[in-house]
Amino acid sequence: MRSRVALPTLAAAFLLAGCTATPASDASTPQAPDASASPVYAVPDTDPAQAGIAVFTGTLPQSQASTAGPALLGEAFVVDGQCEGDAFAYRVMTADPADAGRTLLTGTVSCADPEQPFISSPGYRGPVQVAFLDTDAVTAAWVRVRNVDPAP
């Protein structure tokens, strides 16, 4: 008789053990968005405080285009940019005919951390040009200079 009680007890133990198994995860559960995802690449509209912008399209000759204005460079300015790829290098230079081509600032923008604005004050006020120094690691990019304070 003892064996009759043991078999049902053993069967019940197996059933209970099966009930404690972890259920499979539901594939339809929404996942949290990836915080490291880069924003969608887009060239910004012209800003009234913009002193210059360069846009790289990945094709020549437009890829090295640099446009000025509508504003002149003020005492302090901010540089920002964005790209598709790894990184690019740029240069901000004077565009005044009396002092054209003097480098005010060089820098690099990483596509992984696209907008890295910072304020600079080179002691120059007037028109500027923005140009790319190295675009080998990008397929598209833009970099611009905007005034922090009003130009003269």
Protein backbone atom coordinates (compact mmCIF):
# COMPACT_ATOMS: atom_id res chain seq x y z
CA MET A 1 0.00 0.00 0.00
CA ARG A 2 2.84 2.24 0.66
CA SER A 3 3.86 2.00 -3.00
CA ARG A 4 0.40 3.22 -4.10
CA VAL A 5 0.79 6.43 -2.13
CA ALA A 6 4.31 7.04 -3.41
CA LEU A 7 3.37 6.89 -7.09
CA PRO A 8 0.65 9.55 -6.92
CA THR A 9 2.92 11.72 -4.76
CA LEU A 10 5.76 11.33 -7.26
CA ALA A 11 3.44 12.21 -10.17
CA ALA A 12 2.19 15.29 -8.32
CA ALA A 13 5.78 16.41 -7.72
CA PHE A 14 6.55 16.18 -11.45
CA LEU A 15 3.42 18.18 -12.29
CA LEU A 16 4.27 20.87 -9.77
CA ALA A 17 7.82 21.08 -11.07
CA GLY A 18 6.46 21.60 -14.58
CA CYS A 19 4.27 24.47 -13.37
CA THR A 20 7.23 26.38 -12.04
CA ALA A 21 9.02 26.60 -15.39
CA THR A 22 9.68 30.13 -16.66
CA PRO A 23 7.37 30.98 -19.57
CA ALA A 24 8.97 31.90 -22.91
CA SER A 25 9.29 35.64 -23.50
CA ASP A 26 6.61 37.20 -25.66
CA ALA A 27 8.13 38.33 -28.97
CA SER A 28 5.44 40.99 -29.35
CA THR A 29 6.59 42.89 -26.24
CA PRO A 30 7.73 46.34 -27.39
CA GLN A 31 11.39 47.09 -26.85
CA ALA A 32 12.65 50.38 -25.46
CA PRO A 33 14.11 52.68 -28.14
CA ASP A 34 17.87 52.66 -28.49
CA ALA A 35 19.13 55.75 -26.68
CA SER A 36 22.31 55.80 -28.76
CA ALA A 37 20.45 56.07 -32.07
CA SER A 38 21.55 59.14 -34.02
CA PRO A 39 19.00 61.75 -35.02
CA VAL A 40 17.88 61.76 -38.63
CA TYR A 41 20.36 63.62 -40.84
CA ALA A 42 18.98 66.89 -42.19
CA VAL A 43 20.62 70.10 -43.41
CA PRO A 44 19.21 72.99 -41.32
CA ASP A 45 17.24 75.88 -42.77
CA THR A 46 18.99 79.24 -43.02
CA ASP A 47 19.17 80.88 -39.61
CA PRO A 48 19.21 84.72 -39.34
CA ALA A 49 22.24 84.40 -37.02
CA GLN A 50 24.08 82.16 -39.51
CA ALA A 51 27.46 83.53 -40.60
CA GLY A 52 28.36 80.58 -42.83
CA ILE A 53 27.57 76.99 -43.71
CA ALA A 54 29.20 74.25 -45.76
CA VAL A 55 27.31 71.23 -47.07
CA PHE A 56 28.93 68.03 -48.30
CA THR A 57 26.73 65.98 -50.64
CA GLY A 58 29.20 63.26 -51.50
CA THR A 59 29.53 64.45 -55.09
CA LEU A 60 31.90 66.93 -56.67
CA PRO A 61 31.96 69.89 -57.21
CA GLN A 62 29.01 70.79 -54.91
CA SER A 63 30.47 68.77 -52.06
CA GLN A 64 32.95 71.46 -51.08
CA ALA A 65 30.49 74.33 -51.39
CA SER A 66 30.61 77.02 -48.73
CA THR A 67 28.00 79.70 -48.40
CA ALA A 68 28.11 82.82 -46.31
CA GLY A 69 25.54 84.84 -44.42
CA PRO A 70 23.06 86.17 -44.06
CA ALA A 71 24.90 87.49 -40.99
CA LEU A 72 28.46 88.71 -40.51
CA LEU A 73 30.47 86.98 -37.81
CA GLY A 74 30.03 88.63 -34.42
CA GLU A 75 32.38 88.69 -31.43
CA ALA A 76 31.42 85.15 -30.32
CA PHE A 77 30.02 82.29 -32.38
CA VAL A 78 28.94 78.68 -32.14
CA VAL A 79 29.83 75.88 -34.57
CA ASP A 80 27.57 72.89 -35.05
CA GLY A 81 27.29 70.11 -37.61
CA GLN A 82 25.97 66.69 -38.48
CA CYS A 83 27.00 63.86 -40.82
CA GLU A 84 26.41 60.34 -42.10
CA GLY A 85 29.45 58.11 -41.69
CA ASP A 86 32.25 58.41 -39.13
CA ALA A 87 33.58 62.00 -38.83
CA PHE A 88 34.74 65.01 -40.84
CA ALA A 89 37.11 67.94 -40.36
CA TYR A 90 36.29 71.58 -41.14
CA ARG A 91 37.83 75.04 -41.17
CA VAL A 92 36.34 78.49 -40.49
CA MET A 93 38.28 81.30 -42.18
CA THR A 94 38.03 85.01 -42.80
CA ALA A 95 36.34 86.19 -45.99
CA ASP A 96 37.07 89.92 -45.79
CA PRO A 97 39.05 90.85 -48.97
CA ALA A 98 41.64 92.65 -46.82
CA ASP A 99 42.20 89.56 -44.67
CA ALA A 100 40.77 86.68 -46.74
CA GLY A 101 41.65 83.07 -46.05
CA ARG A 102 43.06 83.41 -42.53
CA THR A 103 42.06 80.38 -40.45
CA LEU A 104 40.01 81.29 -37.39
CA LEU A 105 39.20 77.77 -36.25
CA THR A 106 39.56 74.13 -37.27
CA GLY A 107 37.72 71.19 -35.80
CA THR A 108 36.24 67.74 -36.21
CA VAL A 109 32.63 66.58 -35.94
CA SER A 110 31.86 62.97 -35.04
CA CYS A 111 28.78 61.48 -36.69
CA ALA A 112 28.11 59.41 -33.54
CA ASP A 113 27.73 62.63 -31.53
CA PRO A 114 26.49 64.92 -34.30
CA GLU A 115 25.83 68.25 -32.67
CA GLN A 116 28.76 69.35 -30.56
CA PRO A 117 28.21 73.10 -30.32
CA PHE A 118 30.77 75.23 -28.55
CA ILE A 119 31.37 78.96 -28.30
CA SER A 120 34.49 80.58 -29.74
CA SER A 121 35.69 84.17 -29.84
CA PRO A 122 38.58 84.67 -32.31
CA GLY A 123 38.80 88.45 -32.13
CA TYR A 124 37.56 88.85 -35.71
CA ARG A 125 34.28 90.41 -36.80
CA GLY A 126 33.16 90.21 -40.41
CA PRO A 127 32.35 87.75 -43.20
CA VAL A 128 33.55 84.15 -42.94
CA GLN A 129 33.73 81.04 -45.05
CA VAL A 130 33.30 77.50 -43.82
CA ALA A 131 35.01 74.65 -45.66
CA PHE A 132 35.63 70.94 -45.26
CA LEU A 133 39.18 69.75 -44.69
CA ASP A 134 38.50 66.00 -44.71
CA THR A 135 35.33 64.21 -45.81
CA ASP A 136 36.80 60.78 -46.62
CA ALA A 137 34.82 59.08 -43.83
CA VAL A 138 31.37 60.57 -44.58
CA THR A 139 28.74 60.33 -47.30
CA ALA A 140 26.95 63.56 -46.35
CA ALA A 141 27.67 66.36 -43.88
CA TRP A 142 27.01 69.96 -42.93
CA VAL A 143 28.79 72.39 -40.63
CA ARG A 144 27.72 75.95 -39.84
CA VAL A 145 28.76 78.99 -37.86
CA ARG A 146 26.11 81.02 -36.02
CA ASN A 147 26.46 84.20 -34.02
CA VAL A 148 26.00 84.15 -30.28
CA ASP A 149 25.99 87.96 -30.11
CA PRO A 150 24.99 90.51 -32.77
CA ALA A 151 27.48 91.34 -35.50
CA PRO A 152 28.66 94.97 -35.90
